[in-house]
Amino acid sequence: KKIQVPFEQLLIFASNLDSADFGEEAFLR
């Protein structure tokens, strides 16, 4: 069974890689 829960936080990604290197526009936008 699937349940829905809130996702209410300040989400921070920290990476040594440049965001352009990931090449996932659906994610980056």
PDB file of all heavy atoms in Angstrom:
ATOM      1  N   LYS A   1       0.833  -1.200   0.000  1.00  0.00           N
ATOM      2  CA  LYS A   1       0.000   0.000   0.000  1.00  0.00           C
ATOM      3  C   LYS A   1       0.871   1.254   0.000  1.00  0.00           C
ATOM      4  O   LYS A   1       1.875   1.337   0.717  1.00  0.00           O
ATOM      5  CB  LYS A   1      -0.897   0.003   1.232  1.00  0.00           C
ATOM      6  CG  LYS A   1      -1.781   1.243   1.321  1.00  0.00           C
ATOM      7  CD  LYS A   1      -2.782   1.164   2.451  1.00  0.00           C
ATOM      8  CE  LYS A   1      -3.650   2.421   2.475  1.00  0.00           C
ATOM      9  NZ  LYS A   1      -4.733   2.328   3.476  1.00  0.00           N
ATOM     10  N   LYS A   2       0.468   2.231  -0.799  1.00  0.00           N
ATOM     11  CA  LYS A   2       1.164   3.516  -0.876  1.00  0.00           C
ATOM     12  C   LYS A   2       0.492   4.518   0.059  1.00  0.00           C
ATOM     13  O   LYS A   2      -0.731   4.572   0.150  1.00  0.00           O
ATOM     14  CB  LYS A   2       1.122   4.071  -2.301  1.00  0.00           C
ATOM     15  CG  LYS A   2       1.911   3.268  -3.319  1.00  0.00           C
ATOM     16  CD  LYS A   2       3.343   3.726  -3.376  1.00  0.00           C
ATOM     17  CE  LYS A   2       4.094   3.056  -4.513  1.00  0.00           C
ATOM     18  NZ  LYS A   2       5.511   3.457  -4.561  1.00  0.00           N
ATOM     19  N   ILE A   3       1.303   5.318   0.739  1.00  0.00           N
ATOM     20  CA  ILE A   3       0.756   6.396   1.565  1.00  0.00           C
ATOM     21  C   ILE A   3       1.420   7.705   1.157  1.00  0.00           C
ATOM     22  O   ILE A   3       2.559   7.734   0.699  1.00  0.00           O
ATOM     23  CB  ILE A   3       0.966   6.137   3.072  1.00  0.00           C
ATOM     24  CG1 ILE A   3       2.461   6.085   3.404  1.00  0.00           C
ATOM     25  CG2 ILE A   3       0.262   4.869   3.507  1.00  0.00           C
ATOM     26  CD1 ILE A   3       2.742   6.037   4.896  1.00  0.00           C
ATOM     27  N   GLN A   4       0.684   8.795   1.320  1.00  0.00           N
ATOM     28  CA  GLN A   4       1.188  10.130   0.972  1.00  0.00           C
ATOM     29  C   GLN A   4       1.566  10.865   2.254  1.00  0.00           C
ATOM     30  O   GLN A   4       0.805  10.880   3.218  1.00  0.00           O
ATOM     31  CB  GLN A   4       0.114  10.908   0.222  1.00  0.00           C
ATOM     32  CG  GLN A   4       0.519  12.335  -0.137  1.00  0.00           C
ATOM     33  CD  GLN A   4      -0.580  13.056  -0.895  1.00  0.00           C
ATOM     34  OE1 GLN A   4      -0.978  12.643  -1.975  1.00  0.00           O
ATOM     35  NE2 GLN A   4      -1.090  14.136  -0.324  1.00  0.00           N
ATOM     36  N   VAL A   5       2.757  11.474   2.258  1.00  0.00           N
ATOM     37  CA  VAL A   5       3.227  12.227   3.422  1.00  0.00           C
ATOM     38  C   VAL A   5       3.717  13.591   2.957  1.00  0.00           C
ATOM     39  O   VAL A   5       4.127  13.762   1.806  1.00  0.00           O
ATOM     40  CB  VAL A   5       4.353  11.477   4.175  1.00  0.00           C
ATOM     41  CG1 VAL A   5       3.849  10.184   4.760  1.00  0.00           C
ATOM     42  CG2 VAL A   5       5.532  11.225   3.251  1.00  0.00           C
ATOM     43  N   PRO A   6       3.697  14.584   3.836  1.00  0.00           N
ATOM     44  CA  PRO A   6       4.180  15.918   3.453  1.00  0.00           C
ATOM     45  C   PRO A   6       5.674  15.914   3.163  1.00  0.00           C
ATOM     46  O   PRO A   6       6.434  15.111   3.707  1.00  0.00           O
ATOM     47  CB  PRO A   6       3.860  16.782   4.682  1.00  0.00           C
ATOM     48  CG  PRO A   6       2.859  16.005   5.464  1.00  0.00           C
ATOM     49  CD  PRO A   6       3.144  14.567   5.196  1.00  0.00           C
ATOM     50  N   PHE A   7       6.073  16.822   2.295  1.00  0.00           N
ATOM     51  CA  PHE A   7       7.489  17.034   1.971  1.00  0.00           C
ATOM     52  C   PHE A   7       7.732  18.529   2.127  1.00  0.00           C
ATOM     53  O   PHE A   7       7.783  19.277   1.160  1.00  0.00           O
ATOM     54  CB  PHE A   7       7.773  16.559   0.541  1.00  0.00           C
ATOM     55  CG  PHE A   7       9.235  16.482   0.194  1.00  0.00           C
ATOM     56  CD1 PHE A   7       9.993  15.398   0.568  1.00  0.00           C
ATOM     57  CD2 PHE A   7       9.850  17.500  -0.510  1.00  0.00           C
ATOM     58  CE1 PHE A   7      11.341  15.315   0.241  1.00  0.00           C
ATOM     59  CE2 PHE A   7      11.189  17.436  -0.843  1.00  0.00           C
ATOM     60  CZ  PHE A   7      11.936  16.338  -0.467  1.00  0.00           C
ATOM     61  N   GLU A   8       7.821  18.970   3.393  1.00  0.00           N
ATOM     62  CA  GLU A   8       7.879  20.398   3.720  1.00  0.00           C
ATOM     63  C   GLU A   8       9.161  20.684   4.493  1.00  0.00           C
ATOM     64  O   GLU A   8       9.179  20.655   5.722  1.00  0.00           O
ATOM     65  CB  GLU A   8       6.655  20.823   4.536  1.00  0.00           C
ATOM     66  CG  GLU A   8       5.336  20.700   3.796  1.00  0.00           C
ATOM     67  CD  GLU A   8       5.147  21.798   2.750  1.00  0.00           C
ATOM     68  OE1 GLU A   8       5.964  22.740   2.715  1.00  0.00           O
ATOM     69  OE2 GLU A   8       4.177  21.706   1.978  1.00  0.00           O
ATOM     70  N   GLN A   9      10.253  20.949   3.769  1.00  0.00           N
ATOM     71  CA  GLN A   9      11.516  21.287   4.397  1.00  0.00           C
ATOM     72  C   GLN A   9      12.339  22.110   3.420  1.00  0.00           C
ATOM     73  O   GLN A   9      12.022  22.194   2.230  1.00  0.00           O
ATOM     74  CB  GLN A   9      12.296  20.046   4.831  1.00  0.00           C
ATOM     75  CG  GLN A   9      12.739  19.117   3.726  1.00  0.00           C
ATOM     76  CD  GLN A   9      11.659  18.183   3.282  1.00  0.00           C
ATOM     77  OE1 GLN A   9      10.998  18.476   2.300  1.00  0.00           O
ATOM     78  NE2 GLN A   9      11.454  17.077   3.983  1.00  0.00           N
ATOM     79  N   LEU A  10      13.388  22.725   3.941  1.00  0.00           N
ATOM     80  CA  LEU A  10      14.362  23.387   3.086  1.00  0.00           C
ATOM     81  C   LEU A  10      15.303  22.304   2.578  1.00  0.00           C
ATOM     82  O   LEU A  10      16.072  21.735   3.344  1.00  0.00           O
ATOM     83  CB  LEU A  10      15.126  24.452   3.873  1.00  0.00           C
ATOM     84  CG  LEU A  10      16.284  25.137   3.140  1.00  0.00           C
ATOM     85  CD1 LEU A  10      15.802  25.841   1.880  1.00  0.00           C
ATOM     86  CD2 LEU A  10      16.998  26.125   4.060  1.00  0.00           C
ATOM     87  N   LEU A  11      15.227  22.012   1.287  1.00  0.00           N
ATOM     88  CA  LEU A  11      16.016  20.938   0.686  1.00  0.00           C
ATOM     89  C   LEU A  11      17.248  21.540   0.018  1.00  0.00           C
ATOM     90  O   LEU A  11      17.138  22.396  -0.866  1.00  0.00           O
ATOM     91  CB  LEU A  11      15.170  20.182  -0.338  1.00  0.00           C
ATOM     92  CG  LEU A  11      15.862  19.056  -1.114  1.00  0.00           C
ATOM     93  CD1 LEU A  11      16.385  17.979  -0.162  1.00  0.00           C
ATOM     94  CD2 LEU A  11      14.906  18.453  -2.135  1.00  0.00           C
ATOM     95  N   ILE A  12      18.434  21.099   0.457  1.00  0.00           N
ATOM     96  CA  ILE A  12      19.690  21.630  -0.063  1.00  0.00           C
ATOM     97  C   ILE A  12      20.518  20.480  -0.641  1.00  0.00           C
ATOM     98  O   ILE A  12      20.775  19.486   0.043  1.00  0.00           O
ATOM     99  CB  ILE A  12      20.506  22.340   1.033  1.00  0.00           C
ATOM    100  CG1 ILE A  12      19.676  23.465   1.681  1.00  0.00           C
ATOM    101  CG2 ILE A  12      21.795  22.916   0.457  1.00  0.00           C
ATOM    102  CD1 ILE A  12      20.384  24.154   2.840  1.00  0.00           C
ATOM    103  N   PHE A  13      20.918  20.629  -1.897  1.00  0.00           N
ATOM    104  CA  PHE A  13      21.851  19.703  -2.528  1.00  0.00           C
ATOM    105  C   PHE A  13      23.218  20.375  -2.555  1.00  0.00           C
ATOM    106  O   PHE A  13      23.339  21.533  -2.975  1.00  0.00           O
ATOM    107  CB  PHE A  13      21.434  19.380  -3.962  1.00  0.00           C
ATOM    108  CG  PHE A  13      20.093  18.715  -4.086  1.00  0.00           C
ATOM    109  CD1 PHE A  13      18.942  19.460  -4.292  1.00  0.00           C
ATOM    110  CD2 PHE A  13      19.978  17.339  -4.009  1.00  0.00           C
ATOM    111  CE1 PHE A  13      17.711  18.862  -4.416  1.00  0.00           C
ATOM    112  CE2 PHE A  13      18.742  16.724  -4.128  1.00  0.00           C
ATOM    113  CZ  PHE A  13      17.596  17.488  -4.328  1.00  0.00           C
ATOM    114  N   ALA A  14      24.251  19.691  -2.126  1.00  0.00           N
ATOM    115  CA  ALA A  14      25.616  20.201  -2.195  1.00  0.00           C
ATOM    116  C   ALA A  14      26.439  19.208  -3.014  1.00  0.00           C
ATOM    117  O   ALA A  14      26.446  18.009  -2.724  1.00  0.00           O
ATOM    118  CB  ALA A  14      26.221  20.362  -0.803  1.00  0.00           C
ATOM    119  N   SER A  15      27.116  19.706  -4.057  1.00  0.00           N
ATOM    120  CA  SER A  15      27.822  18.809  -4.955  1.00  0.00           C
ATOM    121  C   SER A  15      29.098  19.450  -5.458  1.00  0.00           C
ATOM    122  O   SER A  15      29.152  20.663  -5.681  1.00  0.00           O
ATOM    123  CB  SER A  15      26.922  18.437  -6.141  1.00  0.00           C
ATOM    124  OG  SER A  15      27.614  17.632  -7.068  1.00  0.00           O
ATOM    125  N   ASN A  16      30.134  18.616  -5.640  1.00  0.00           N
ATOM    126  CA  ASN A  16      31.367  19.070  -6.274  1.00  0.00           C
ATOM    127  C   ASN A  16      31.218  19.155  -7.793  1.00  0.00           C
ATOM    128  O   ASN A  16      32.072  19.720  -8.469  1.00  0.00           O
ATOM    129  CB  ASN A  16      32.525  18.116  -5.955  1.00  0.00           C
ATOM    130  CG  ASN A  16      32.815  18.056  -4.472  1.00  0.00           C
ATOM    131  OD1 ASN A  16      32.519  18.988  -3.740  1.00  0.00           O
ATOM    132  ND2 ASN A  16      33.375  16.945  -4.023  1.00  0.00           N
ATOM    133  N   LEU A  17      30.144  18.584  -8.314  1.00  0.00           N
ATOM    134  CA  LEU A  17      29.896  18.578  -9.748  1.00  0.00           C
ATOM    135  C   LEU A  17      29.051  19.781 -10.134  1.00  0.00           C
ATOM    136  O   LEU A  17      28.223  20.247  -9.347  1.00  0.00           O
ATOM    137  CB  LEU A  17      29.182  17.290 -10.156  1.00  0.00           C
ATOM    138  CG  LEU A  17      29.852  15.983  -9.715  1.00  0.00           C
ATOM    139  CD1 LEU A  17      28.979  14.801 -10.093  1.00  0.00           C
ATOM    140  CD2 LEU A  17      31.236  15.845 -10.345  1.00  0.00           C
ATOM    141  N   ASP A  18      29.237  20.274 -11.321  1.00  0.00           N
ATOM    142  CA  ASP A  18      28.422  21.375 -11.811  1.00  0.00           C
ATOM    143  C   ASP A  18      27.042  20.845 -12.178  1.00  0.00           C
ATOM    144  O   ASP A  18      26.903  19.740 -12.703  1.00  0.00           O
ATOM    145  CB  ASP A  18      29.073  22.020 -13.035  1.00  0.00           C
ATOM    146  CG  ASP A  18      28.365  23.303 -13.445  1.00  0.00           C
ATOM    147  OD1 ASP A  18      27.394  23.212 -14.220  1.00  0.00           O
ATOM    148  OD2 ASP A  18      28.780  24.382 -12.983  1.00  0.00           O
ATOM    149  N   SER A  19      26.007  21.641 -11.894  1.00  0.00           N
ATOM    150  CA  SER A  19      24.646  21.181 -12.184  1.00  0.00           C
ATOM    151  C   SER A  19      24.459  20.847 -13.660  1.00  0.00           C
ATOM    152  O   SER A  19      23.667  19.967 -14.012  1.00  0.00           O
ATOM    153  CB  SER A  19      23.631  22.240 -11.746  1.00  0.00           C
ATOM    154  OG  SER A  19      23.873  23.475 -12.403  1.00  0.00           O
ATOM    155  N   ALA A  20      25.191  21.537 -14.553  1.00  0.00           N
ATOM    156  CA  ALA A  20      25.064  21.256 -15.983  1.00  0.00           C
ATOM    157  C   ALA A  20      25.593  19.867 -16.331  1.00  0.00           C
ATOM    158  O   ALA A  20      25.192  19.277 -17.341  1.00  0.00           O
ATOM    159  CB  ALA A  20      25.799  22.315 -16.792  1.00  0.00           C
ATOM    160  N   ASP A  21      26.493  19.322 -15.482  1.00  0.00           N
ATOM    161  CA  ASP A  21      27.062  18.004 -15.756  1.00  0.00           C
ATOM    162  C   ASP A  21      26.033  16.890 -15.624  1.00  0.00           C
ATOM    163  O   ASP A  21      26.214  15.805 -16.177  1.00  0.00           O
ATOM    164  CB  ASP A  21      28.235  17.721 -14.810  1.00  0.00           C
ATOM    165  CG  ASP A  21      29.405  18.667 -15.038  1.00  0.00           C
ATOM    166  OD1 ASP A  21      29.497  19.216 -16.152  1.00  0.00           O
ATOM    167  OD2 ASP A  21      30.209  18.861 -14.106  1.00  0.00           O
ATOM    168  N   PHE A  22      24.959  17.155 -14.865  1.00  0.00           N
ATOM    169  CA  PHE A  22      23.972  16.104 -14.654  1.00  0.00           C
ATOM    170  C   PHE A  22      23.095  15.904 -15.889  1.00  0.00           C
ATOM    171  O   PHE A  22      22.619  14.815 -16.149  1.00  0.00           O
ATOM    172  CB  PHE A  22      23.096  16.427 -13.438  1.00  0.00           C
ATOM    173  CG  PHE A  22      23.863  16.443 -12.149  1.00  0.00           C
ATOM    174  CD1 PHE A  22      23.958  17.599 -11.393  1.00  0.00           C
ATOM    175  CD2 PHE A  22      24.497  15.310 -11.694  1.00  0.00           C
ATOM    176  CE1 PHE A  22      24.667  17.616 -10.208  1.00  0.00           C
ATOM    177  CE2 PHE A  22      25.212  15.314 -10.502  1.00  0.00           C
ATOM    178  CZ  PHE A  22      25.296  16.464  -9.768  1.00  0.00           C
ATOM    179  N   GLY A  23      22.873  16.983 -16.633  1.00  0.00           N
ATOM    180  CA  GLY A  23      22.143  16.864 -17.890  1.00  0.00           C
ATOM    181  C   GLY A  23      20.714  16.409 -17.744  1.00  0.00           C
ATOM    182  O   GLY A  23      20.160  15.800 -18.661  1.00  0.00           O
ATOM    183  N   GLU A  24      20.079  16.660 -16.607  1.00  0.00           N
ATOM    184  CA  GLU A  24      18.695  16.264 -16.388  1.00  0.00           C
ATOM    185  C   GLU A  24      17.847  17.526 -16.255  1.00  0.00           C
ATOM    186  O   GLU A  24      17.616  18.042 -15.158  1.00  0.00           O
ATOM    187  CB  GLU A  24      18.569  15.391 -15.141  1.00  0.00           C
ATOM    188  CG  GLU A  24      19.081  13.975 -15.318  1.00  0.00           C
ATOM    189  CD  GLU A  24      18.144  13.119 -16.155  1.00  0.00           C
ATOM    190  OE1 GLU A  24      16.938  13.457 -16.233  1.00  0.00           O
ATOM    191  OE2 GLU A  24      18.618  12.139 -16.740  1.00  0.00           O
ATOM    192  N   GLU A  25      17.360  18.028 -17.380  1.00  0.00           N
ATOM    193  CA  GLU A  25      16.612  19.274 -17.365  1.00  0.00           C
ATOM    194  C   GLU A  25      15.323  19.154 -16.555  1.00  0.00           C
ATOM    195  O   GLU A  25      14.920  20.091 -15.865  1.00  0.00           O
ATOM    196  CB  GLU A  25      16.287  19.701 -18.802  1.00  0.00           C
ATOM    197  CG  GLU A  25      15.592  21.051 -18.914  1.00  0.00           C
ATOM    198  CD  GLU A  25      16.424  22.189 -18.327  1.00  0.00           C
ATOM    199  OE1 GLU A  25      17.661  22.100 -18.369  1.00  0.00           O
ATOM    200  OE2 GLU A  25      15.822  23.164 -17.833  1.00  0.00           O
ATOM    201  N   ALA A  26      14.668  17.997 -16.598  1.00  0.00           N
ATOM    202  CA  ALA A  26      13.431  17.807 -15.844  1.00  0.00           C
ATOM    203  C   ALA A  26      13.663  17.976 -14.351  1.00  0.00           C
ATOM    204  O   ALA A  26      12.792  18.466 -13.625  1.00  0.00           O
ATOM    205  CB  ALA A  26      12.845  16.427 -16.137  1.00  0.00           C
ATOM    206  N   PHE A  27      14.845  17.575 -13.895  1.00  0.00           N
ATOM    207  CA  PHE A  27      15.191  17.734 -12.480  1.00  0.00           C
ATOM    208  C   PHE A  27      15.637  19.159 -12.175  1.00  0.00           C
ATOM    209  O   PHE A  27      15.169  19.790 -11.223  1.00  0.00           O
ATOM    210  CB  PHE A  27      16.294  16.745 -12.111  1.00  0.00           C
ATOM    211  CG  PHE A  27      16.887  16.947 -10.756  1.00  0.00           C
ATOM    212  CD1 PHE A  27      16.193  16.600  -9.619  1.00  0.00           C
ATOM    213  CD2 PHE A  27      18.155  17.495 -10.608  1.00  0.00           C
ATOM    214  CE1 PHE A  27      16.745  16.790  -8.359  1.00  0.00           C
ATOM    215  CE2 PHE A  27      18.719  17.688  -9.369  1.00  0.00           C
ATOM    216  CZ  PHE A  27      18.002  17.336  -8.236  1.00  0.00           C
ATOM    217  N   LEU A  28      16.530  19.697 -13.015  1.00  0.00           N
ATOM    218  CA  LEU A  28      17.118  21.005 -12.738  1.00  0.00           C
ATOM    219  C   LEU A  28      16.071  22.118 -12.754  1.00  0.00           C
ATOM    220  O   LEU A  28      16.167  23.066 -11.979  1.00  0.00           O
ATOM    221  CB  LEU A  28      18.224  21.306 -13.755  1.00  0.00           C
ATOM    222  CG  LEU A  28      19.447  20.384 -13.699  1.00  0.00           C
ATOM    223  CD1 LEU A  28      20.422  20.732 -14.813  1.00  0.00           C
ATOM    224  CD2 LEU A  28      20.135  20.489 -12.351  1.00  0.00           C
ATOM    225  N   ARG A  29      15.071  22.008 -13.620  1.00  0.00           N
ATOM    226  CA  ARG A  29      14.096  23.097 -13.695  1.00  0.00           C
ATOM    227  C   ARG A  29      13.168  23.119 -12.476  1.00  0.00           C
ATOM    228  O   ARG A  29      12.473  24.104 -12.243  1.00  0.00           O
ATOM    229  CB  ARG A  29      13.276  23.002 -14.974  1.00  0.00           C
ATOM    230  CG  ARG A  29      12.279  21.852 -15.045  1.00  0.00           C
ATOM    231  CD  ARG A  29      11.529  21.876 -16.367  1.00  0.00           C
ATOM    232  NE  ARG A  29      10.574  20.799 -16.501  1.00  0.00           N
ATOM    233  CZ  ARG A  29       9.345  20.829 -15.994  1.00  0.00           C
ATOM    234  NH1 ARG A  29       8.931  21.896 -15.328  1.00  0.00           N
ATOM    235  NH2 ARG A  29       8.532  19.801 -16.148  1.00  0.00           N
TER     236      ARG A  29
END
